[in-house]
């Protein structure tokens, strides 16, 4: 019946109307003969009247019929449409217009805009911009001129490239390509309850927050940047970082200046949505960003997160409830989760 998801987990998803689980599980009500997706707004039946299936086909075979309110059979079609649109965006030399994308996958433009944003976390236009900027970042790291990088990344004009790059890369394109030349990055080494941390920031926000990393690593990342010790202006950021570590359940809205590929940024954005005290599996994150088969890639993007704690990659664990890995070490991951009040399968096996 269920493979990676237990009946208790499935019931929990239905109780909280978890939209992220739509398409992964089906709940069928024995007393009505109807099956629904987890986010169905209908009133919940008693637990003993519900059985779970992996997909609509299995529920149909068992004699159930689809709910007319939540239309569970359309979940697969919606996700296929988004996946097709993603491929169209990735293959296009210039970003397709919303109307073109919607027509290609058979949806009305405004409806598809909402659908795409719900599945991917960003609009089609924002996804296309992220894709181009990711290509630009890769091209700028090669032996190419800025002009070559502009057109090789799918931009139709230099002005559009610079408008995107200014907001996303946090540095001018030439500086990014040239190891941060002309940019100033300030740093501080912090003694925190979890150990030694490096915090580094541009004038836009924190660009690096890592455990047990030295200043020499910062020089290797940006060999041509002007790297200096923190000044008084950085005091607020440092104080905010310490607060975030000492009171992890509070809301912390510190500015962040990082850039990655479109996929990495989608993962990092989803990580920031996980509330303190809760965890998600790598598979959950893959589903949330609209790519259920990308569990391994999610793990890689999770591990490449350059901003510890503030982008809470420690809240992602394995589907079996064990912790998985963590760049700062599993002991720190356990302490972070325990301080937030989270629970996980192997928690009782270790002293916190």
C-alpha atoms as a PDB file:
ATOM      1  CA  UNK A   1       0.000   0.000   0.000  1.00  0.00           C
ATOM      2  CA  UNK A   2       2.401   2.726   1.179  1.00  0.00           C
ATOM      3  CA  UNK A   3       6.120   2.586   0.530  1.00  0.00           C
ATOM      4  CA  UNK A   4       8.078   5.385   2.202  1.00  0.00           C
ATOM      5  CA  UNK A   5       5.113   6.845   4.112  1.00  0.00           C
ATOM      6  CA  UNK A   6       3.465   5.110   7.051  1.00  0.00           C
ATOM      7  CA  UNK A   7      -0.281   5.247   7.707  1.00  0.00           C
ATOM      8  CA  UNK A   8       0.332   7.422  10.776  1.00  0.00           C
ATOM      9  CA  UNK A   9       2.364   9.877   8.699  1.00  0.00           C
ATOM     10  CA  UNK A  10      -0.332   9.881   6.035  1.00  0.00           C
ATOM     11  CA  UNK A  11      -3.059  10.580   8.588  1.00  0.00           C
ATOM     12  CA  UNK A  12      -0.975  13.405  10.033  1.00  0.00           C
ATOM     13  CA  UNK A  13      -0.696  14.935   6.566  1.00  0.00           C
ATOM     14  CA  UNK A  14      -4.477  14.803   6.185  1.00  0.00           C
ATOM     15  CA  UNK A  15      -5.093  16.278   9.624  1.00  0.00           C
ATOM     16  CA  UNK A  16      -2.928  19.312   8.879  1.00  0.00           C
ATOM     17  CA  UNK A  17      -4.130  19.487   5.230  1.00  0.00           C
ATOM     18  CA  UNK A  18      -0.535  19.330   4.039  1.00  0.00           C
ATOM     19  CA  UNK A  19      -0.483  20.492   0.419  1.00  0.00           C
ATOM     20  CA  UNK A  20       3.082  19.270   0.027  1.00  0.00           C
ATOM     21  CA  UNK A  21       1.821  15.693   0.292  1.00  0.00           C
ATOM     22  CA  UNK A  22      -0.699  16.078  -2.531  1.00  0.00           C
ATOM     23  CA  UNK A  23       0.199  13.560  -5.198  1.00  0.00           C
ATOM     24  CA  UNK A  24       2.173  11.394  -2.787  1.00  0.00           C
ATOM     25  CA  UNK A  25      -0.716   9.858  -0.852  1.00  0.00           C
ATOM     26  CA  UNK A  26      -4.460   9.346  -1.257  1.00  0.00           C
ATOM     27  CA  UNK A  27      -6.940   8.998   1.605  1.00  0.00           C
ATOM     28  CA  UNK A  28     -10.099   6.978   0.957  1.00  0.00           C
ATOM     29  CA  UNK A  29     -13.169   7.137   3.218  1.00  0.00           C
ATOM     30  CA  UNK A  30     -14.836   3.744   3.655  1.00  0.00           C
ATOM     31  CA  UNK A  31     -18.220   5.171   4.688  1.00  0.00           C
ATOM     32  CA  UNK A  32     -18.614   7.422   1.629  1.00  0.00           C
ATOM     33  CA  UNK A  33     -16.566   5.560  -0.994  1.00  0.00           C
ATOM     34  CA  UNK A  34     -14.691   8.770  -1.885  1.00  0.00           C
ATOM     35  CA  UNK A  35     -10.940   9.391  -2.044  1.00  0.00           C
ATOM     36  CA  UNK A  36      -9.217  12.758  -1.513  1.00  0.00           C
ATOM     37  CA  UNK A  37      -5.845  14.432  -1.536  1.00  0.00           C
ATOM     38  CA  UNK A  38      -4.369  15.589   1.817  1.00  0.00           C
ATOM     39  CA  UNK A  39      -5.181  19.277   1.297  1.00  0.00           C
ATOM     40  CA  UNK A  40      -8.895  18.633   0.676  1.00  0.00           C
ATOM     41  CA  UNK A  41     -10.914  21.262   2.590  1.00  0.00           C
ATOM     42  CA  UNK A  42     -13.723  18.846   3.417  1.00  0.00           C
ATOM     43  CA  UNK A  43     -14.470  17.889   7.023  1.00  0.00           C
ATOM     44  CA  UNK A  44     -12.258  15.066   8.266  1.00  0.00           C
ATOM     45  CA  UNK A  45     -13.858  11.643   8.928  1.00  0.00           C
ATOM     46  CA  UNK A  46     -12.934   9.441  11.876  1.00  0.00           C
ATOM     47  CA  UNK A  47      -9.524   7.834  11.606  1.00  0.00           C
ATOM     48  CA  UNK A  48     -10.908   4.283  11.590  1.00  0.00           C
ATOM     49  CA  UNK A  49     -12.944   5.061   8.466  1.00  0.00           C
ATOM     50  CA  UNK A  50      -9.911   6.029   6.363  1.00  0.00           C
ATOM     51  CA  UNK A  51      -7.442   3.892   4.454  1.00  0.00           C
ATOM     52  CA  UNK A  52      -4.501   5.137   2.417  1.00  0.00           C
ATOM     53  CA  UNK A  53      -3.195   4.482  -1.077  1.00  0.00           C
ATOM     54  CA  UNK A  54      -0.089   5.530  -2.944  1.00  0.00           C
ATOM     55  CA  UNK A  55      -2.026   7.003  -5.863  1.00  0.00           C
ATOM     56  CA  UNK A  56      -5.462   7.553  -7.388  1.00  0.00           C
ATOM     57  CA  UNK A  57      -5.185   4.472  -9.578  1.00  0.00           C
ATOM     58  CA  UNK A  58      -4.909   2.215  -6.548  1.00  0.00           C
ATOM     59  CA  UNK A  59      -7.905   3.901  -4.912  1.00  0.00           C
ATOM     60  CA  UNK A  60      -9.960   3.483  -8.093  1.00  0.00           C
ATOM     61  CA  UNK A  61      -9.037  -0.187  -8.291  1.00  0.00           C
ATOM     62  CA  UNK A  62     -10.236  -0.623  -4.707  1.00  0.00           C
ATOM     63  CA  UNK A  63     -13.647   0.724  -5.726  1.00  0.00           C
ATOM     64  CA  UNK A  64     -13.437   4.336  -4.560  1.00  0.00           C
ATOM     65  CA  UNK A  65     -14.375   7.411  -6.641  1.00  0.00           C
ATOM     66  CA  UNK A  66     -12.645  10.826  -6.703  1.00  0.00           C
ATOM     67  CA  UNK A  67     -13.771  13.715  -4.532  1.00  0.00           C
ATOM     68  CA  UNK A  68     -15.544  16.389  -6.572  1.00  0.00           C
ATOM     69  CA  UNK A  69     -14.367  19.079  -4.197  1.00  0.00           C
ATOM     70  CA  UNK A  70     -10.574  18.601  -4.133  1.00  0.00           C
ATOM     71  CA  UNK A  71     -10.298  16.751  -7.506  1.00  0.00           C
ATOM     72  CA  UNK A  72      -7.382  14.513  -6.493  1.00  0.00           C
ATOM     73  CA  UNK A  73      -6.885  13.147 -10.012  1.00  0.00           C
ATOM     74  CA  UNK A  74      -5.772  16.563 -11.232  1.00  0.00           C
ATOM     75  CA  UNK A  75      -2.733  16.718  -8.939  1.00  0.00           C
ATOM     76  CA  UNK A  76      -0.638  14.572 -11.248  1.00  0.00           C
ATOM     77  CA  UNK A  77      -1.743  16.562 -14.284  1.00  0.00           C
ATOM     78  CA  UNK A  78      -0.871  19.843 -12.570  1.00  0.00           C
ATOM     79  CA  UNK A  79       2.618  18.658 -11.654  1.00  0.00           C
ATOM     80  CA  UNK A  80       3.230  17.272 -15.116  1.00  0.00           C
ATOM     81  CA  UNK A  81       2.251  20.652 -16.539  1.00  0.00           C
ATOM     82  CA  UNK A  82       4.677  22.455 -14.215  1.00  0.00           C
ATOM     83  CA  UNK A  83       7.448  19.986 -15.068  1.00  0.00           C
ATOM     84  CA  UNK A  84       6.784  20.526 -18.773  1.00  0.00           C
ATOM     85  CA  UNK A  85       6.853  24.305 -18.293  1.00  0.00           C
ATOM     86  CA  UNK A  86      10.165  24.058 -16.439  1.00  0.00           C
ATOM     87  CA  UNK A  87      11.648  22.165 -19.377  1.00  0.00           C
ATOM     88  CA  UNK A  88      10.331  24.786 -21.806  1.00  0.00           C
ATOM     89  CA  UNK A  89      11.908  27.574 -19.747  1.00  0.00           C
ATOM     90  CA  UNK A  90      15.217  25.729 -19.491  1.00  0.00           C
ATOM     91  CA  UNK A  91      15.379  25.044 -23.222  1.00  0.00           C
ATOM     92  CA  UNK A  92      14.330  28.513 -24.387  1.00  0.00           C
ATOM     93  CA  UNK A  93      16.941  31.042 -25.439  1.00  0.00           C
ATOM     94  CA  UNK A  94      14.711  33.805 -24.068  1.00  0.00           C
ATOM     95  CA  UNK A  95      12.240  33.397 -21.206  1.00  0.00           C
ATOM     96  CA  UNK A  96       8.796  32.464 -22.597  1.00  0.00           C
ATOM     97  CA  UNK A  97       5.898  34.750 -21.730  1.00  0.00           C
ATOM     98  CA  UNK A  98       3.336  33.496 -19.229  1.00  0.00           C
ATOM     99  CA  UNK A  99       0.674  33.281 -21.930  1.00  0.00           C
ATOM    100  CA  UNK A 100       2.947  31.136 -24.100  1.00  0.00           C
ATOM    101  CA  UNK A 101       3.777  28.769 -21.243  1.00  0.00           C
ATOM    102  CA  UNK A 102       0.165  28.420 -20.145  1.00  0.00           C
ATOM    103  CA  UNK A 103      -1.025  27.730 -23.697  1.00  0.00           C
ATOM    104  CA  UNK A 104       1.700  25.131 -24.208  1.00  0.00           C
ATOM    105  CA  UNK A 105       0.556  23.118 -21.177  1.00  0.00           C
ATOM    106  CA  UNK A 106      -3.170  23.719 -21.610  1.00  0.00           C
ATOM    107  CA  UNK A 107      -4.002  26.092 -18.745  1.00  0.00           C
ATOM    108  CA  UNK A 108      -5.384  29.612 -18.417  1.00  0.00           C
ATOM    109  CA  UNK A 109      -2.509  32.079 -17.729  1.00  0.00           C
ATOM    110  CA  UNK A 110      -3.586  33.348 -14.297  1.00  0.00           C
ATOM    111  CA  UNK A 111      -4.463  29.864 -13.065  1.00  0.00           C
ATOM    112  CA  UNK A 112      -1.147  28.482 -14.265  1.00  0.00           C
ATOM    113  CA  UNK A 113       0.733  31.370 -12.629  1.00  0.00           C
ATOM    114  CA  UNK A 114      -0.751  30.370  -9.253  1.00  0.00           C
ATOM    115  CA  UNK A 115      -0.155  26.681  -9.916  1.00  0.00           C
ATOM    116  CA  UNK A 116       3.494  27.147 -10.924  1.00  0.00           C
ATOM    117  CA  UNK A 117       4.202  29.431  -7.969  1.00  0.00           C
ATOM    118  CA  UNK A 118       2.623  26.976  -5.540  1.00  0.00           C
ATOM    119  CA  UNK A 119       4.682  24.077  -6.859  1.00  0.00           C
ATOM    120  CA  UNK A 120       8.017  25.824  -7.426  1.00  0.00           C
ATOM    121  CA  UNK A 121       7.929  28.549  -4.791  1.00  0.00           C
ATOM    122  CA  UNK A 122       8.544  31.230  -7.428  1.00  0.00           C
ATOM    123  CA  UNK A 123       6.663  32.518 -10.474  1.00  0.00           C
ATOM    124  CA  UNK A 124       7.606  31.355 -14.008  1.00  0.00           C
ATOM    125  CA  UNK A 125       9.287  34.718 -14.634  1.00  0.00           C
ATOM    126  CA  UNK A 126      11.279  34.515 -11.389  1.00  0.00           C
ATOM    127  CA  UNK A 127      12.296  30.944 -12.177  1.00  0.00           C
ATOM    128  CA  UNK A 128      13.550  32.044 -15.590  1.00  0.00           C
ATOM    129  CA  UNK A 129      15.498  34.915 -14.046  1.00  0.00           C
ATOM    130  CA  UNK A 130      17.037  32.558 -11.505  1.00  0.00           C
ATOM    131  CA  UNK A 131      18.004  30.130 -14.240  1.00  0.00           C
ATOM    132  CA  UNK A 132      19.682  32.845 -16.297  1.00  0.00           C
ATOM    133  CA  UNK A 133      21.480  34.229 -13.256  1.00  0.00           C
ATOM    134  CA  UNK A 134      22.722  30.756 -12.338  1.00  0.00           C
ATOM    135  CA  UNK A 135      24.094  30.310 -15.833  1.00  0.00           C
ATOM    136  CA  UNK A 136      25.640  33.753 -15.624  1.00  0.00           C
ATOM    137  CA  UNK A 137      27.378  32.856 -12.379  1.00  0.00           C
ATOM    138  CA  UNK A 138      28.784  29.701 -13.963  1.00  0.00           C
ATOM    139  CA  UNK A 139      29.851  31.512 -17.123  1.00  0.00           C
ATOM    140  CA  UNK A 140      31.503  34.322 -15.199  1.00  0.00           C
ATOM    141  CA  UNK A 141      33.656  31.796 -13.369  1.00  0.00           C
ATOM    142  CA  UNK A 142      35.066  30.637 -16.698  1.00  0.00           C
ATOM    143  CA  UNK A 143      37.539  32.420 -18.922  1.00  0.00           C
ATOM    144  CA  UNK A 144      34.891  34.510 -20.646  1.00  0.00           C
ATOM    145  CA  UNK A 145      34.335  38.203 -21.012  1.00  0.00           C
ATOM    146  CA  UNK A 146      31.278  39.672 -19.331  1.00  0.00           C
ATOM    147  CA  UNK A 147      29.740  40.253 -22.768  1.00  0.00           C
ATOM    148  CA  UNK A 148      30.187  36.595 -23.687  1.00  0.00           C
ATOM    149  CA  UNK A 149      28.665  35.535 -20.371  1.00  0.00           C
ATOM    150  CA  UNK A 150      25.648  37.768 -20.997  1.00  0.00           C
ATOM    151  CA  UNK A 151      24.632  36.170 -24.254  1.00  0.00           C
ATOM    152  CA  UNK A 152      25.718  32.643 -23.341  1.00  0.00           C
ATOM    153  CA  UNK A 153      23.418  32.840 -20.308  1.00  0.00           C
ATOM    154  CA  UNK A 154      20.332  33.613 -22.387  1.00  0.00           C
ATOM    155  CA  UNK A 155      20.040  37.374 -21.892  1.00  0.00           C
ATOM    156  CA  UNK A 156      18.838  39.399 -24.868  1.00  0.00           C
ATOM    157  CA  UNK A 157      20.650  42.553 -23.786  1.00  0.00           C
ATOM    158  CA  UNK A 158      23.395  43.601 -21.340  1.00  0.00           C
ATOM    159  CA  UNK A 159      21.013  45.912 -19.460  1.00  0.00           C
ATOM    160  CA  UNK A 160      18.760  43.007 -18.470  1.00  0.00           C
ATOM    161  CA  UNK A 161      21.746  40.980 -17.305  1.00  0.00           C
ATOM    162  CA  UNK A 162      23.088  43.759 -15.102  1.00  0.00           C
ATOM    163  CA  UNK A 163      19.642  44.402 -13.618  1.00  0.00           C
ATOM    164  CA  UNK A 164      19.342  40.745 -12.571  1.00  0.00           C
ATOM    165  CA  UNK A 165      22.945  40.325 -11.481  1.00  0.00           C
ATOM    166  CA  UNK A 166      22.969  43.421  -9.290  1.00  0.00           C
ATOM    167  CA  UNK A 167      20.119  42.042  -7.166  1.00  0.00           C
ATOM    168  CA  UNK A 168      21.085  38.381  -7.121  1.00  0.00           C
ATOM    169  CA  UNK A 169      24.853  38.151  -7.077  1.00  0.00           C
ATOM    170  CA  UNK A 170      25.498  40.922  -4.591  1.00  0.00           C
ATOM    171  CA  UNK A 171      28.517  42.019  -6.608  1.00  0.00           C
ATOM    172  CA  UNK A 172      29.023  43.408 -10.065  1.00  0.00           C
ATOM    173  CA  UNK A 173      29.375  40.619 -12.682  1.00  0.00           C
ATOM    174  CA  UNK A 174      33.060  41.342 -13.294  1.00  0.00           C
ATOM    175  CA  UNK A 175      33.819  41.182  -9.572  1.00  0.00           C
ATOM    176  CA  UNK A 176      32.022  37.861  -9.219  1.00  0.00           C
ATOM    177  CA  UNK A 177      34.010  36.411 -12.087  1.00  0.00           C
ATOM    178  CA  UNK A 178      37.241  37.879 -10.808  1.00  0.00           C
ATOM    179  CA  UNK A 179      37.190  36.548  -7.269  1.00  0.00           C
ATOM    180  CA  UNK A 180      35.448  39.547  -5.750  1.00  0.00           C
ATOM    181  CA  UNK A 181      37.788  42.205  -7.140  1.00  0.00           C
ATOM    182  CA  UNK A 182      36.701  45.659  -6.003  1.00  0.00           C
ATOM    183  CA  UNK A 183      34.384  44.359  -3.290  1.00  0.00           C
ATOM    184  CA  UNK A 184      34.745  44.619   0.486  1.00  0.00           C
ATOM    185  CA  UNK A 185      33.849  41.661   2.687  1.00  0.00           C
ATOM    186  CA  UNK A 186      34.057  42.069   6.446  1.00  0.00           C
ATOM    187  CA  UNK A 187      34.308  39.184   8.890  1.00  0.00           C
ATOM    188  CA  UNK A 188      34.284  38.267  12.557  1.00  0.00           C
ATOM    189  CA  UNK A 189      35.030  35.088  14.472  1.00  0.00           C
ATOM    190  CA  UNK A 190      32.360  34.382  17.076  1.00  0.00           C
ATOM    191  CA  UNK A 191      32.478  32.215  20.183  1.00  0.00           C
ATOM    192  CA  UNK A 192      28.971  30.776  20.326  1.00  0.00           C
ATOM    193  CA  UNK A 193      27.306  28.118  22.498  1.00  0.00           C
ATOM    194  CA  UNK A 194      27.833  25.776  19.553  1.00  0.00           C
ATOM    195  CA  UNK A 195      31.479  26.587  19.032  1.00  0.00           C
ATOM    196  CA  UNK A 196      33.562  28.838  16.837  1.00  0.00           C
ATOM    197  CA  UNK A 197      31.750  30.507  13.903  1.00  0.00           C
ATOM    198  CA  UNK A 198      32.864  32.642  11.005  1.00  0.00           C
ATOM    199  CA  UNK A 199      30.439  35.376   9.960  1.00  0.00           C
ATOM    200  CA  UNK A 200      31.192  37.391   6.836  1.00  0.00           C
ATOM    201  CA  UNK A 201      29.124  40.060   5.143  1.00  0.00           C
ATOM    202  CA  UNK A 202      29.030  42.377   2.167  1.00  0.00           C
ATOM    203  CA  UNK A 203      27.310  45.725   2.406  1.00  0.00           C
ATOM    204  CA  UNK A 204      24.076  43.914   1.452  1.00  0.00           C
ATOM    205  CA  UNK A 205      24.045  41.204   4.082  1.00  0.00           C
ATOM    206  CA  UNK A 206      25.587  38.027   5.451  1.00  0.00           C
ATOM    207  CA  UNK A 207      27.386  36.041   2.766  1.00  0.00           C
ATOM    208  CA  UNK A 208      28.978  33.357   4.932  1.00  0.00           C
ATOM    209  CA  UNK A 209      28.056  31.859   8.313  1.00  0.00           C
ATOM    210  CA  UNK A 210      29.860  28.615   9.046  1.00  0.00           C
ATOM    211  CA  UNK A 211      31.218  26.521  11.890  1.00  0.00           C
ATOM    212  CA  UNK A 212      34.945  25.860  12.277  1.00  0.00           C
ATOM    213  CA  UNK A 213      35.922  27.789   9.147  1.00  0.00           C
ATOM    214  CA  UNK A 214      38.936  30.056   9.094  1.00  0.00           C
ATOM    215  CA  UNK A 215      39.453  33.442   7.497  1.00  0.00           C
ATOM    216  CA  UNK A 216      41.818  31.790   5.025  1.00  0.00           C
ATOM    217  CA  UNK A 217      38.810  29.947   3.569  1.00  0.00           C
ATOM    218  CA  UNK A 218      37.179  33.310   2.918  1.00  0.00           C
ATOM    219  CA  UNK A 219      40.308  34.453   1.083  1.00  0.00           C
ATOM    220  CA  UNK A 220      40.188  31.314  -1.048  1.00  0.00           C
ATOM    221  CA  UNK A 221      36.565  31.982  -2.012  1.00  0.00           C
ATOM    222  CA  UNK A 222      37.182  35.631  -2.831  1.00  0.00           C
ATOM    223  CA  UNK A 223      40.929  35.882  -3.500  1.00  0.00           C
ATOM    224  CA  UNK A 224      40.695  39.374  -5.013  1.00  0.00           C
ATOM    225  CA  UNK A 225      38.220  40.928  -2.576  1.00  0.00           C
ATOM    226  CA  UNK A 226      39.198  43.402   0.100  1.00  0.00           C
ATOM    227  CA  UNK A 227      38.649  41.224   3.176  1.00  0.00           C
ATOM    228  CA  UNK A 228      38.737  43.159   6.442  1.00  0.00           C
ATOM    229  CA  UNK A 229      37.823  42.619  10.100  1.00  0.00           C
ATOM    230  CA  UNK A 230      34.357  43.677  11.198  1.00  0.00           C
ATOM    231  CA  UNK A 231      33.719  47.345  11.886  1.00  0.00           C
ATOM    232  CA  UNK A 232      31.137  49.065  14.079  1.00  0.00           C
ATOM    233  CA  UNK A 233      28.553  48.967  11.278  1.00  0.00           C
ATOM    234  CA  UNK A 234      28.663  45.172  11.351  1.00  0.00           C
ATOM    235  CA  UNK A 235      27.822  45.059  15.040  1.00  0.00           C
ATOM    236  CA  UNK A 236      24.099  44.699  14.476  1.00  0.00           C
ATOM    237  CA  UNK A 237      24.620  41.689  12.218  1.00  0.00           C
ATOM    238  CA  UNK A 238      26.914  40.034  14.737  1.00  0.00           C
ATOM    239  CA  UNK A 239      24.423  40.641  17.539  1.00  0.00           C
ATOM    240  CA  UNK A 240      21.633  39.229  15.383  1.00  0.00           C
ATOM    241  CA  UNK A 241      23.615  36.088  14.635  1.00  0.00           C
ATOM    242  CA  UNK A 242      24.282  35.498  18.332  1.00  0.00           C
ATOM    243  CA  UNK A 243      20.591  35.992  19.113  1.00  0.00           C
ATOM    244  CA  UNK A 244      19.637  33.510  16.399  1.00  0.00           C
ATOM    245  CA  UNK A 245      21.904  30.863  17.938  1.00  0.00           C
ATOM    246  CA  UNK A 246      20.981  31.545  21.568  1.00  0.00           C
ATOM    247  CA  UNK A 247      17.200  31.849  20.946  1.00  0.00           C
ATOM    248  CA  UNK A 248      16.523  29.692  17.875  1.00  0.00           C
ATOM    249  CA  UNK A 249      12.740  29.673  18.338  1.00  0.00           C
ATOM    250  CA  UNK A 250      12.470  33.451  17.856  1.00  0.00           C
ATOM    251  CA  UNK A 251      11.961  35.103  14.464  1.00  0.00           C
ATOM    252  CA  UNK A 252      15.198  36.467  12.985  1.00  0.00           C
ATOM    253  CA  UNK A 253      15.095  38.628   9.877  1.00  0.00           C
ATOM    254  CA  UNK A 254      18.746  39.316   9.112  1.00  0.00           C
ATOM    255  CA  UNK A 255      19.776  40.373   5.584  1.00  0.00           C
ATOM    256  CA  UNK A 256      21.437  37.633   3.549  1.00  0.00           C
ATOM    257  CA  UNK A 257      23.560  38.063   0.438  1.00  0.00           C
ATOM    258  CA  UNK A 258      24.089  34.676  -1.205  1.00  0.00           C
ATOM    259  CA  UNK A 259      23.624  33.296  -4.684  1.00  0.00           C
ATOM    260  CA  UNK A 260      23.478  29.805  -6.120  1.00  0.00           C
ATOM    261  CA  UNK A 261      21.950  27.971  -9.013  1.00  0.00           C
ATOM    262  CA  UNK A 262      18.189  28.238  -9.508  1.00  0.00           C
ATOM    263  CA  UNK A 263      17.844  24.772  -7.957  1.00  0.00           C
ATOM    264  CA  UNK A 264      19.994  25.607  -4.934  1.00  0.00           C
ATOM    265  CA  UNK A 265      18.118  28.812  -4.292  1.00  0.00           C
ATOM    266  CA  UNK A 266      14.772  27.020  -4.533  1.00  0.00           C
ATOM    267  CA  UNK A 267      15.990  24.542  -1.892  1.00  0.00           C
ATOM    268  CA  UNK A 268      17.388  27.264   0.374  1.00  0.00           C
ATOM    269  CA  UNK A 269      14.152  29.243   0.092  1.00  0.00           C
ATOM    270  CA  UNK A 270      12.161  26.167   1.116  1.00  0.00           C
ATOM    271  CA  UNK A 271      14.473  25.582   4.085  1.00  0.00           C
ATOM    272  CA  UNK A 272      13.654  29.047   5.413  1.00  0.00           C
ATOM    273  CA  UNK A 273       9.971  28.114   5.450  1.00  0.00           C
ATOM    274  CA  UNK A 274      10.489  25.300   7.997  1.00  0.00           C
ATOM    275  CA  UNK A 275       9.319  26.582  11.404  1.00  0.00           C
ATOM    276  CA  UNK A 276      11.541  26.103  14.476  1.00  0.00           C
ATOM    277  CA  UNK A 277      10.749  22.830  16.216  1.00  0.00           C
ATOM    278  CA  UNK A 278       9.768  21.102  12.981  1.00  0.00           C
ATOM    279  CA  UNK A 279      11.720  18.971  10.538  1.00  0.00           C
ATOM    280  CA  UNK A 280      11.338  17.953   6.906  1.00  0.00           C
ATOM    281  CA  UNK A 281      12.829  15.072   5.003  1.00  0.00           C
ATOM    282  CA  UNK A 282      14.942  15.504   1.902  1.00  0.00           C
ATOM    283  CA  UNK A 283      12.035  13.943  -0.002  1.00  0.00           C
ATOM    284  CA  UNK A 284       9.649  16.531   1.473  1.00  0.00           C
ATOM    285  CA  UNK A 285      11.839  19.357   0.205  1.00  0.00           C
ATOM    286  CA  UNK A 286      12.093  17.742  -3.230  1.00  0.00           C
ATOM    287  CA  UNK A 287       8.288  17.578  -3.442  1.00  0.00           C
ATOM    288  CA  UNK A 288       7.935  21.149  -2.182  1.00  0.00           C
ATOM    289  CA  UNK A 289      10.152  22.554  -4.948  1.00  0.00           C
ATOM    290  CA  UNK A 290       8.288  20.552  -7.577  1.00  0.00           C
ATOM    291  CA  UNK A 291      10.918  17.896  -8.310  1.00  0.00           C
ATOM    292  CA  UNK A 292       9.986  14.747  -6.312  1.00  0.00           C
ATOM    293  CA  UNK A 293      12.764  12.657  -7.866  1.00  0.00           C
ATOM    294  CA  UNK A 294      15.503  15.080  -6.867  1.00  0.00           C
ATOM    295  CA  UNK A 295      15.990  13.842  -3.296  1.00  0.00           C
ATOM    296  CA  UNK A 296      19.722  13.287  -3.749  1.00  0.00           C
ATOM    297  CA  UNK A 297      20.180  16.677  -5.422  1.00  0.00           C
ATOM    298  CA  UNK A 298      18.284  18.299  -2.549  1.00  0.00           C
ATOM    299  CA  UNK A 299      20.763  16.718  -0.154  1.00  0.00           C
ATOM    300  CA  UNK A 300      23.644  18.185  -2.140  1.00  0.00           C
ATOM    301  CA  UNK A 301      22.063  21.655  -2.227  1.00  0.00           C
ATOM    302  CA  UNK A 302      21.318  21.361   1.481  1.00  0.00           C
ATOM    303  CA  UNK A 303      24.946  20.558   2.184  1.00  0.00           C
ATOM    304  CA  UNK A 304      26.182  23.508   0.094  1.00  0.00           C
ATOM    305  CA  UNK A 305      24.160  26.028   2.123  1.00  0.00           C
ATOM    306  CA  UNK A 306      26.621  28.838   2.981  1.00  0.00           C
ATOM    307  CA  UNK A 307      24.530  30.352   5.812  1.00  0.00           C
ATOM    308  CA  UNK A 308      24.210  28.019   8.790  1.00  0.00           C
ATOM    309  CA  UNK A 309      21.309  28.459  11.239  1.00  0.00           C
ATOM    310  CA  UNK A 310      19.705  31.373   9.360  1.00  0.00           C
ATOM    311  CA  UNK A 311      19.082  29.071   6.405  1.00  0.00           C
ATOM    312  CA  UNK A 312      18.148  26.127   8.641  1.00  0.00           C
ATOM    313  CA  UNK A 313      19.535  23.123   6.802  1.00  0.00           C
ATOM    314  CA  UNK A 314      19.761  21.417  10.216  1.00  0.00           C
ATOM    315  CA  UNK A 315      15.957  20.981  10.097  1.00  0.00           C
ATOM    316  CA  UNK A 316      16.207  18.500   7.222  1.00  0.00           C
ATOM    317  CA  UNK A 317      16.514  14.836   8.192  1.00  0.00           C
ATOM    318  CA  UNK A 318      16.149  11.482   6.490  1.00  0.00           C
ATOM    319  CA  UNK A 319      12.747   9.957   5.738  1.00  0.00           C
ATOM    320  CA  UNK A 320      13.376   7.250   8.332  1.00  0.00           C
ATOM    321  CA  UNK A 321      13.720   9.857  11.082  1.00  0.00           C
ATOM    322  CA  UNK A 322      17.493   9.660  11.431  1.00  0.00           C
ATOM    323  CA  UNK A 323      19.518  12.848  11.151  1.00  0.00           C
ATOM    324  CA  UNK A 324      21.558  12.335   7.993  1.00  0.00           C
ATOM    325  CA  UNK A 325      24.550  14.638   7.650  1.00  0.00           C
ATOM    326  CA  UNK A 326      25.435  18.190   8.619  1.00  0.00           C
ATOM    327  CA  UNK A 327      28.381  20.360   7.598  1.00  0.00           C
ATOM    328  CA  UNK A 328      28.824  21.568  11.177  1.00  0.00           C
ATOM    329  CA  UNK A 329      28.803  18.024  12.566  1.00  0.00           C
ATOM    330  CA  UNK A 330      25.949  15.873  13.838  1.00  0.00           C
ATOM    331  CA  UNK A 331      26.493  16.871  17.446  1.00  0.00           C
ATOM    332  CA  UNK A 332      25.708  20.492  16.556  1.00  0.00           C
ATOM    333  CA  UNK A 333      22.712  19.395  14.501  1.00  0.00           C
ATOM    334  CA  UNK A 334      21.325  17.506  17.500  1.00  0.00           C
ATOM    335  CA  UNK A 335      21.838  20.497  19.783  1.00  0.00           C
ATOM    336  CA  UNK A 336      20.204  22.913  17.342  1.00  0.00           C
ATOM    337  CA  UNK A 337      17.154  20.689  16.915  1.00  0.00           C
ATOM    338  CA  UNK A 338      16.873  19.977  20.627  1.00  0.00           C
ATOM    339  CA  UNK A 339      17.052  23.706  21.440  1.00  0.00           C
ATOM    340  CA  UNK A 340      14.150  24.270  19.042  1.00  0.00           C
ATOM    341  CA  UNK A 341      12.059  21.515  20.625  1.00  0.00           C
ATOM    342  CA  UNK A 342      12.190  19.203  17.613  1.00  0.00           C
ATOM    343  CA  UNK A 343      11.873  15.414  17.838  1.00  0.00           C
ATOM    344  CA  UNK A 344      13.430  12.776  15.627  1.00  0.00           C
ATOM    345  CA  UNK A 345      13.855   9.020  15.596  1.00  0.00           C
ATOM    346  CA  UNK A 346      17.364   8.711  17.046  1.00  0.00           C
ATOM    347  CA  UNK A 347      17.032  11.542  19.564  1.00  0.00           C
ATOM    348  CA  UNK A 348      16.882   9.301  22.602  1.00  0.00           C
ATOM    349  CA  UNK A 349      20.101   7.503  21.703  1.00  0.00           C
ATOM    350  CA  UNK A 350      22.306  10.521  22.380  1.00  0.00           C
ATOM    351  CA  UNK A 351      22.928  12.830  25.288  1.00  0.00           C
ATOM    352  CA  UNK A 352      22.225  16.424  24.300  1.00  0.00           C
END
